[in-house]
Amino acid sequence: MRILTFATTTFLALAATTTAHAHAVLDHAEPRVGSTAPAAPREVVLTFSQNIEPAFSSVEVSDAKGARVDQGKPVISATTMRVGLKPLPPGTYHVRWRVMSVDTHSTEGNFSFQVGK
């Protein structure tokens, strides 16, 4: 009986630990992933599922030729990262992000959006 109790307790403790250490994943973005904005946005705003660590998180926005169109270092507050954009002509733009959540797990991803028709 003691072995069964110990095994059950150990299993539950491990399951709880695994659940508590989830990664910060992209919850939503503005402009939306894969969307077409009728007018050029002034910034890209990324919202994550957990608080992110500013010192180890970044975002870059580039045009179809790979030239950067963001205005540099993002502003990060809790779960939100935002970066200003240069004036954007119609076209396709790529967002590449990398974040570290406050529990030290890193995630990264990318998506595109379009400006104009």
Protein backbone atom coordinates (compact mmCIF):
# COMPACT_ATOMS: atom_id res chain seq x y z
CA MET A 1 0.00 0.00 0.00
CA ARG A 2 2.86 2.38 0.80
CA ILE A 3 4.42 1.75 -2.61
CA LEU A 4 1.14 2.51 -4.37
CA THR A 5 0.71 5.73 -2.36
CA PHE A 6 4.29 6.79 -3.09
CA ALA A 7 3.93 6.04 -6.82
CA THR A 8 0.65 7.97 -7.05
CA THR A 9 2.05 10.95 -5.17
CA THR A 10 5.18 11.02 -7.34
CA PHE A 11 3.13 10.84 -10.54
CA LEU A 12 0.86 13.69 -9.47
CA ALA A 13 3.82 15.85 -8.44
CA LEU A 14 5.53 15.32 -11.81
CA ALA A 15 2.33 16.05 -13.72
CA ALA A 16 1.81 19.30 -11.80
CA THR A 17 5.41 20.35 -12.43
CA THR A 18 5.12 19.74 -16.17
CA THR A 19 1.93 21.78 -16.42
CA ALA A 20 3.41 24.71 -14.51
CA HIS A 21 6.30 25.14 -16.97
CA ALA A 22 4.45 25.93 -20.19
CA HIS A 23 6.11 28.05 -22.87
CA ALA A 24 5.10 31.57 -23.84
CA VAL A 25 3.32 31.13 -27.16
CA LEU A 26 1.93 33.79 -29.46
CA ASP A 27 -1.70 34.35 -28.47
CA HIS A 28 -2.51 37.00 -31.07
CA ALA A 29 -0.92 39.69 -33.21
CA GLU A 30 -1.91 43.01 -34.71
CA PRO A 31 -1.88 43.09 -37.68
CA ARG A 32 -3.28 39.59 -37.59
CA VAL A 33 -1.27 36.63 -38.82
CA GLY A 34 -1.81 36.26 -42.58
CA SER A 35 -4.11 39.29 -42.80
CA THR A 36 -4.29 42.11 -45.32
CA ALA A 37 -4.38 45.58 -43.81
CA PRO A 38 -6.05 48.20 -46.05
CA ALA A 39 -3.74 50.90 -44.63
CA ALA A 40 -0.19 50.58 -43.35
CA PRO A 41 -0.03 49.88 -39.61
CA ARG A 42 2.17 52.11 -37.45
CA GLU A 43 3.32 49.22 -35.25
CA VAL A 44 3.24 45.46 -34.79
CA VAL A 45 1.85 44.28 -31.46
CA LEU A 46 2.42 40.69 -30.29
CA THR A 47 0.63 39.27 -27.26
CA PHE A 48 1.89 36.07 -25.64
CA SER A 49 0.35 33.51 -23.28
CA GLN A 50 2.84 34.32 -20.47
CA ASN A 51 4.91 37.27 -19.31
CA ILE A 52 8.09 37.61 -21.34
CA GLU A 53 11.58 38.67 -20.32
CA PRO A 54 12.51 41.97 -22.07
CA ALA A 55 16.28 41.38 -22.02
CA PHE A 56 15.95 38.13 -24.01
CA SER A 57 13.06 38.87 -26.38
CA SER A 58 13.13 40.43 -29.83
CA VAL A 59 11.11 41.06 -32.98
CA GLU A 60 12.10 42.02 -36.52
CA VAL A 61 9.83 43.11 -39.35
CA SER A 62 11.11 43.01 -42.94
CA ASP A 63 9.76 43.59 -46.43
CA ALA A 64 9.64 41.02 -49.24
CA LYS A 65 13.28 41.79 -50.13
CA GLY A 66 14.46 41.23 -46.56
CA ALA A 67 15.04 44.91 -45.68
CA ARG A 68 14.10 45.78 -42.10
CA VAL A 69 11.12 48.08 -41.76
CA ASP A 70 10.79 48.11 -37.96
CA GLN A 71 12.08 51.01 -35.88
CA GLY A 72 14.45 48.97 -33.73
CA LYS A 73 14.15 47.80 -30.16
CA PRO A 74 10.67 46.66 -29.11
CA VAL A 75 8.81 47.89 -26.05
CA ILE A 76 7.88 44.98 -23.78
CA SER A 77 5.38 45.01 -20.93
CA ALA A 78 4.21 41.78 -19.26
CA THR A 79 2.76 39.65 -22.11
CA THR A 80 2.94 42.31 -24.84
CA MET A 81 5.74 43.22 -27.23
CA ARG A 82 5.35 46.11 -29.67
CA VAL A 83 7.63 47.64 -32.26
CA GLY A 84 7.10 50.75 -34.37
CA LEU A 85 7.19 50.56 -38.15
CA LYS A 86 8.56 52.86 -40.82
CA PRO A 87 5.97 54.04 -43.39
CA LEU A 88 5.02 50.92 -45.36
CA PRO A 89 4.07 50.88 -49.04
CA PRO A 90 1.70 48.16 -50.25
CA GLY A 91 3.33 44.75 -50.15
CA THR A 92 4.07 41.68 -48.06
CA TYR A 93 5.84 41.93 -44.70
CA HIS A 94 7.43 39.26 -42.53
CA VAL A 95 7.51 39.28 -38.73
CA ARG A 96 10.10 37.15 -36.94
CA TRP A 97 9.97 36.96 -33.14
CA ARG A 98 11.83 35.25 -30.34
CA VAL A 99 10.85 35.44 -26.68
CA MET A 100 11.92 34.04 -23.36
CA SER A 101 9.16 33.61 -20.84
CA VAL A 102 9.81 34.56 -17.23
CA ASP A 103 10.17 30.83 -16.46
CA THR A 104 13.21 30.82 -18.85
CA HIS A 105 11.71 28.84 -21.74
CA SER A 106 12.39 30.27 -25.21
CA THR A 107 10.05 30.13 -28.17
CA GLU A 108 10.22 31.67 -31.62
CA GLY A 109 8.09 32.00 -34.69
CA ASN A 110 7.25 34.03 -37.74
CA PHE A 111 4.32 35.10 -39.84
CA SER A 112 3.46 37.42 -42.70
CA PHE A 113 0.89 40.12 -43.34
CA GLN A 114 0.11 42.31 -46.32
CA VAL A 115 -0.57 45.99 -46.77
CA GLY A 116 -2.93 47.07 -49.54
CA LYS A 117 -4.89 44.93 -51.93
